Amino acid sequence: MLNDWKAEADDNPITEINITPLTDVMLVLLIIFMVTATFFIAEPVMKVSLPPAVTSIRDSEAADEITVTVNQLGNFFVDGRLVQPADLVEVLMNTARKLPNARKIVVIRADKKAAYGSIIWVMDAARLVGLRNVSLTTEEVDGKDASKRLNIYEPTKLKER
């Protein structure tokens, strides 16, 4: 009688798909994606050499940021996209319209060798659009190394400028 049951089972084709292994693999992939995706959030799009500042602080209030990067050649990048100086006002306006938060901040990441006029150009463009909150990004300097890394506080350096 036991042999009859095995014979019946072999004759019928399998019509069901077991999705348990597939579900397990998908959940593992989802967990891996979620863990690795958190490492890429705070990474800046473009590498620039930021000027140092001892008093650099981060505003912790929730706001939507529009990041404008100015490299040492004077090129403008809005949220990682290259923008011509003549188009900066229009691009800032379109980017600001897409952000839902009422408090919008323009964060300027300028290379320490970028021309001062380029930074002023970005600030003027932001104000023309109506974006009054402008922030400059700097490299945070430890208080212990401040005198070594920031020579601008030495009286002899102040006289030379």
C-alpha atoms as a PDB file:
ATOM      1  CA  MET A   1       0.000   0.000   0.000  1.00  0.00           C
ATOM      2  CA  LEU A   2       2.905   2.346   0.689  1.00  0.00           C
ATOM      3  CA  ASN A   3       4.315   1.699  -2.761  1.00  0.00           C
ATOM      4  CA  ASP A   4       0.987   2.608  -4.396  1.00  0.00           C
ATOM      5  CA  TRP A   5       1.084   6.074  -2.854  1.00  0.00           C
ATOM      6  CA  LYS A   6       4.578   6.796  -4.237  1.00  0.00           C
ATOM      7  CA  ALA A   7       3.529   5.734  -7.669  1.00  0.00           C
ATOM      8  CA  GLU A   8       0.634   8.184  -7.663  1.00  0.00           C
ATOM      9  CA  ALA A   9       2.846  11.065  -6.525  1.00  0.00           C
ATOM     10  CA  ASP A  10       5.372  10.524  -9.350  1.00  0.00           C
ATOM     11  CA  ASP A  11       2.718  10.470 -12.066  1.00  0.00           C
ATOM     12  CA  ASN A  12       1.296  13.963 -11.355  1.00  0.00           C
ATOM     13  CA  PRO A  13       3.289  16.983 -12.540  1.00  0.00           C
ATOM     14  CA  ILE A  14       4.172  19.714 -10.029  1.00  0.00           C
ATOM     15  CA  THR A  15       1.869  22.645 -10.714  1.00  0.00           C
ATOM     16  CA  GLU A  16       2.827  24.927  -7.821  1.00  0.00           C
ATOM     17  CA  ILE A  17       5.874  27.188  -7.450  1.00  0.00           C
ATOM     18  CA  ASN A  18       7.426  27.513  -4.032  1.00  0.00           C
ATOM     19  CA  ILE A  19       8.176  31.237  -3.602  1.00  0.00           C
ATOM     20  CA  THR A  20       9.619  31.007  -0.097  1.00  0.00           C
ATOM     21  CA  PRO A  21      13.281  30.924  -1.264  1.00  0.00           C
ATOM     22  CA  LEU A  22      12.589  33.815  -3.643  1.00  0.00           C
ATOM     23  CA  THR A  23      11.058  35.847  -0.821  1.00  0.00           C
ATOM     24  CA  ASP A  24      14.038  35.124   1.422  1.00  0.00           C
ATOM     25  CA  VAL A  25      16.507  36.273  -1.235  1.00  0.00           C
ATOM     26  CA  MET A  26      14.506  39.440  -1.957  1.00  0.00           C
ATOM     27  CA  LEU A  27      14.350  40.373   1.731  1.00  0.00           C
ATOM     28  CA  VAL A  28      18.098  39.891   2.103  1.00  0.00           C
ATOM     29  CA  LEU A  29      18.712  42.080  -0.967  1.00  0.00           C
ATOM     30  CA  LEU A  30      16.370  44.740   0.410  1.00  0.00           C
ATOM     31  CA  ILE A  31      18.228  44.814   3.723  1.00  0.00           C
ATOM     32  CA  ILE A  32      21.598  45.055   1.955  1.00  0.00           C
ATOM     33  CA  PHE A  33      20.308  47.917  -0.213  1.00  0.00           C
ATOM     34  CA  MET A  34      18.901  49.809   2.773  1.00  0.00           C
ATOM     35  CA  VAL A  35      22.134  49.509   4.737  1.00  0.00           C
ATOM     36  CA  THR A  36      24.417  50.562   1.879  1.00  0.00           C
ATOM     37  CA  ALA A  37      22.158  53.393   0.691  1.00  0.00           C
ATOM     38  CA  THR A  38      22.638  55.291   3.960  1.00  0.00           C
ATOM     39  CA  PHE A  39      26.353  55.694   3.264  1.00  0.00           C
ATOM     40  CA  PHE A  40      25.762  57.729   0.105  1.00  0.00           C
ATOM     41  CA  ILE A  41      23.394  60.377   1.478  1.00  0.00           C
ATOM     42  CA  ALA A  42      25.841  62.892   2.943  1.00  0.00           C
ATOM     43  CA  GLU A  43      28.506  62.488   0.265  1.00  0.00           C
ATOM     44  CA  PRO A  44      29.095  65.727  -1.677  1.00  0.00           C
ATOM     45  CA  VAL A  45      28.765  65.564  -5.430  1.00  0.00           C
ATOM     46  CA  MET A  46      31.944  67.427  -6.241  1.00  0.00           C
ATOM     47  CA  LYS A  47      35.198  67.523  -4.352  1.00  0.00           C
ATOM     48  CA  VAL A  48      36.366  71.035  -3.561  1.00  0.00           C
ATOM     49  CA  SER A  49      38.987  72.251  -1.128  1.00  0.00           C
ATOM     50  CA  LEU A  50      36.899  74.180   1.399  1.00  0.00           C
ATOM     51  CA  PRO A  51      38.407  77.066   3.362  1.00  0.00           C
ATOM     52  CA  PRO A  52      38.954  76.302   7.062  1.00  0.00           C
ATOM     53  CA  ALA A  53      37.032  77.994   9.885  1.00  0.00           C
ATOM     54  CA  VAL A  54      37.271  77.514  13.633  1.00  0.00           C
ATOM     55  CA  THR A  55      33.693  78.664  14.279  1.00  0.00           C
ATOM     56  CA  SER A  56      32.046  76.495  11.654  1.00  0.00           C
ATOM     57  CA  ILE A  57      28.663  75.170  12.822  1.00  0.00           C
ATOM     58  CA  ARG A  58      25.880  73.225  11.143  1.00  0.00           C
ATOM     59  CA  ASP A  59      22.329  74.586  11.215  1.00  0.00           C
ATOM     60  CA  SER A  60      20.220  71.722  12.519  1.00  0.00           C
ATOM     61  CA  GLU A  61      16.803  73.103  11.614  1.00  0.00           C
ATOM     62  CA  ALA A  62      14.907  71.270   8.908  1.00  0.00           C
ATOM     63  CA  ALA A  63      15.161  73.029   5.584  1.00  0.00           C
ATOM     64  CA  ASP A  64      15.442  72.213   1.936  1.00  0.00           C
ATOM     65  CA  GLU A  65      18.931  72.862   0.635  1.00  0.00           C
ATOM     66  CA  ILE A  66      19.998  73.949  -2.822  1.00  0.00           C
ATOM     67  CA  THR A  67      23.719  73.259  -3.066  1.00  0.00           C
ATOM     68  CA  VAL A  68      25.744  75.485  -5.378  1.00  0.00           C
ATOM     69  CA  THR A  69      29.344  74.394  -5.823  1.00  0.00           C
ATOM     70  CA  VAL A  70      31.994  76.756  -7.201  1.00  0.00           C
ATOM     71  CA  ASN A  71      35.252  75.071  -8.168  1.00  0.00           C
ATOM     72  CA  GLN A  72      38.629  76.792  -8.409  1.00  0.00           C
ATOM     73  CA  LEU A  73      38.096  77.457 -12.124  1.00  0.00           C
ATOM     74  CA  GLY A  74      34.901  79.395 -11.379  1.00  0.00           C
ATOM     75  CA  ASN A  75      32.463  76.809 -12.767  1.00  0.00           C
ATOM     76  CA  PHE A  76      29.021  76.653 -11.138  1.00  0.00           C
ATOM     77  CA  PHE A  77      27.260  73.393 -10.236  1.00  0.00           C
ATOM     78  CA  VAL A  78      23.704  73.418  -8.870  1.00  0.00           C
ATOM     79  CA  ASP A  79      22.974  70.131  -7.106  1.00  0.00           C
ATOM     80  CA  GLY A  80      25.743  68.502  -9.141  1.00  0.00           C
ATOM     81  CA  ARG A  81      24.709  69.815 -12.579  1.00  0.00           C
ATOM     82  CA  LEU A  82      27.000  72.185 -14.473  1.00  0.00           C
ATOM     83  CA  VAL A  83      25.339  75.575 -14.973  1.00  0.00           C
ATOM     84  CA  GLN A  84      26.478  78.509 -17.074  1.00  0.00           C
ATOM     85  CA  PRO A  85      26.735  81.820 -15.151  1.00  0.00           C
ATOM     86  CA  ALA A  86      24.043  83.414 -17.344  1.00  0.00           C
ATOM     87  CA  ASP A  87      21.609  80.570 -16.521  1.00  0.00           C
ATOM     88  CA  LEU A  88      22.229  80.520 -12.768  1.00  0.00           C
ATOM     89  CA  VAL A  89      19.196  82.659 -11.833  1.00  0.00           C
ATOM     90  CA  GLU A  90      16.825  80.562 -13.942  1.00  0.00           C
ATOM     91  CA  VAL A  91      18.188  77.253 -12.631  1.00  0.00           C
ATOM     92  CA  LEU A  92      17.942  78.447  -9.014  1.00  0.00           C
ATOM     93  CA  MET A  93      14.349  79.568  -9.602  1.00  0.00           C
ATOM     94  CA  ASN A  94      13.332  76.220 -11.129  1.00  0.00           C
ATOM     95  CA  THR A  95      15.098  74.262  -8.387  1.00  0.00           C
ATOM     96  CA  ALA A  96      13.459  76.353  -5.639  1.00  0.00           C
ATOM     97  CA  ARG A  97      10.003  75.779  -7.134  1.00  0.00           C
ATOM     98  CA  LYS A  98      10.467  71.996  -6.901  1.00  0.00           C
ATOM     99  CA  LEU A  99      11.242  72.077  -3.164  1.00  0.00           C
ATOM    100  CA  PRO A 100       8.161  71.720  -0.938  1.00  0.00           C
ATOM    101  CA  ASN A 101       9.536  73.273   2.253  1.00  0.00           C
ATOM    102  CA  ALA A 102       8.928  76.981   2.802  1.00  0.00           C
ATOM    103  CA  ARG A 103      12.380  77.420   4.361  1.00  0.00           C
ATOM    104  CA  LYS A 104      14.912  77.022   1.589  1.00  0.00           C
ATOM    105  CA  ILE A 105      18.641  77.525   2.048  1.00  0.00           C
ATOM    106  CA  VAL A 106      21.224  78.059  -0.655  1.00  0.00           C
ATOM    107  CA  VAL A 107      24.399  76.319   0.491  1.00  0.00           C
ATOM    108  CA  ILE A 108      27.492  77.586  -1.298  1.00  0.00           C
ATOM    109  CA  ARG A 109      30.399  75.123  -1.414  1.00  0.00           C
ATOM    110  CA  ALA A 110      33.209  77.227  -2.850  1.00  0.00           C
ATOM    111  CA  ASP A 111      36.781  76.109  -3.298  1.00  0.00           C
ATOM    112  CA  LYS A 112      39.200  78.194  -1.252  1.00  0.00           C
ATOM    113  CA  LYS A 113      40.927  79.206  -4.501  1.00  0.00           C
ATOM    114  CA  ALA A 114      37.668  80.278  -6.191  1.00  0.00           C
ATOM    115  CA  ALA A 115      37.373  83.929  -7.124  1.00  0.00           C
ATOM    116  CA  TYR A 116      35.533  86.097  -4.631  1.00  0.00           C
ATOM    117  CA  GLY A 117      33.421  87.502  -7.459  1.00  0.00           C
ATOM    118  CA  SER A 118      32.078  84.023  -8.269  1.00  0.00           C
ATOM    119  CA  ILE A 119      30.756  83.632  -4.738  1.00  0.00           C
ATOM    120  CA  ILE A 120      29.137  87.075  -4.860  1.00  0.00           C
ATOM    121  CA  TRP A 121      27.567  86.109  -8.217  1.00  0.00           C
ATOM    122  CA  VAL A 122      25.905  83.095  -6.584  1.00  0.00           C
ATOM    123  CA  MET A 123      24.696  85.173  -3.626  1.00  0.00           C
ATOM    124  CA  ASP A 124      23.222  87.826  -5.938  1.00  0.00           C
ATOM    125  CA  ALA A 125      21.518  85.177  -8.067  1.00  0.00           C
ATOM    126  CA  ALA A 126      19.962  83.625  -4.960  1.00  0.00           C
ATOM    127  CA  ARG A 127      18.651  86.976  -3.762  1.00  0.00           C
ATOM    128  CA  LEU A 128      17.204  87.802  -7.186  1.00  0.00           C
ATOM    129  CA  VAL A 129      15.195  84.582  -6.990  1.00  0.00           C
ATOM    130  CA  GLY A 130      14.001  85.458  -3.484  1.00  0.00           C
ATOM    131  CA  LEU A 131      16.184  82.997  -1.604  1.00  0.00           C
ATOM    132  CA  ARG A 132      17.382  85.080   1.344  1.00  0.00           C
ATOM    133  CA  ASN A 133      18.947  82.259   3.387  1.00  0.00           C
ATOM    134  CA  VAL A 134      22.467  81.739   2.084  1.00  0.00           C
ATOM    135  CA  SER A 135      25.064  79.634   3.871  1.00  0.00           C
ATOM    136  CA  LEU A 136      28.766  79.196   3.152  1.00  0.00           C
ATOM    137  CA  THR A 137      30.294  75.757   3.715  1.00  0.00           C
ATOM    138  CA  THR A 138      33.679  75.608   5.394  1.00  0.00           C
ATOM    139  CA  GLU A 139      36.007  72.905   6.611  1.00  0.00           C
ATOM    140  CA  GLU A 140      35.772  72.449  10.363  1.00  0.00           C
ATOM    141  CA  VAL A 141      39.085  72.947  12.148  1.00  0.00           C
ATOM    142  CA  ASP A 142      39.828  71.429  15.528  1.00  0.00           C
ATOM    143  CA  GLY A 143      40.481  74.070  18.183  1.00  0.00           C
ATOM    144  CA  LYS A 144      43.897  72.545  18.995  1.00  0.00           C
ATOM    145  CA  ASP A 145      45.164  72.894  15.429  1.00  0.00           C
ATOM    146  CA  ALA A 146      43.517  76.230  14.772  1.00  0.00           C
ATOM    147  CA  SER A 147      46.628  78.360  15.252  1.00  0.00           C
ATOM    148  CA  LYS A 148      48.662  76.104  12.963  1.00  0.00           C
ATOM    149  CA  ARG A 149      46.089  75.785  10.199  1.00  0.00           C
ATOM    150  CA  LEU A 150      44.671  79.309  10.286  1.00  0.00           C
ATOM    151  CA  ASN A 151      47.465  81.802   9.866  1.00  0.00           C
ATOM    152  CA  ILE A 152      45.020  84.687   9.457  1.00  0.00           C
ATOM    153  CA  TYR A 153      44.855  85.228  13.235  1.00  0.00           C
ATOM    154  CA  GLU A 154      48.522  86.060  13.533  1.00  0.00           C
ATOM    155  CA  PRO A 155      49.054  89.849  13.723  1.00  0.00           C
ATOM    156  CA  THR A 156      51.878  89.751  11.153  1.00  0.00           C
ATOM    157  CA  LYS A 157      49.610  88.071   8.597  1.00  0.00           C
ATOM    158  CA  LEU A 158      46.867  90.639   9.205  1.00  0.00           C
ATOM    159  CA  LYS A 159      49.246  93.503   8.430  1.00  0.00           C
ATOM    160  CA  GLU A 160      50.331  91.898   5.141  1.00  0.00           C
ATOM    161  CA  ARG A 161      46.770  91.709   3.869  1.00  0.00           C
END
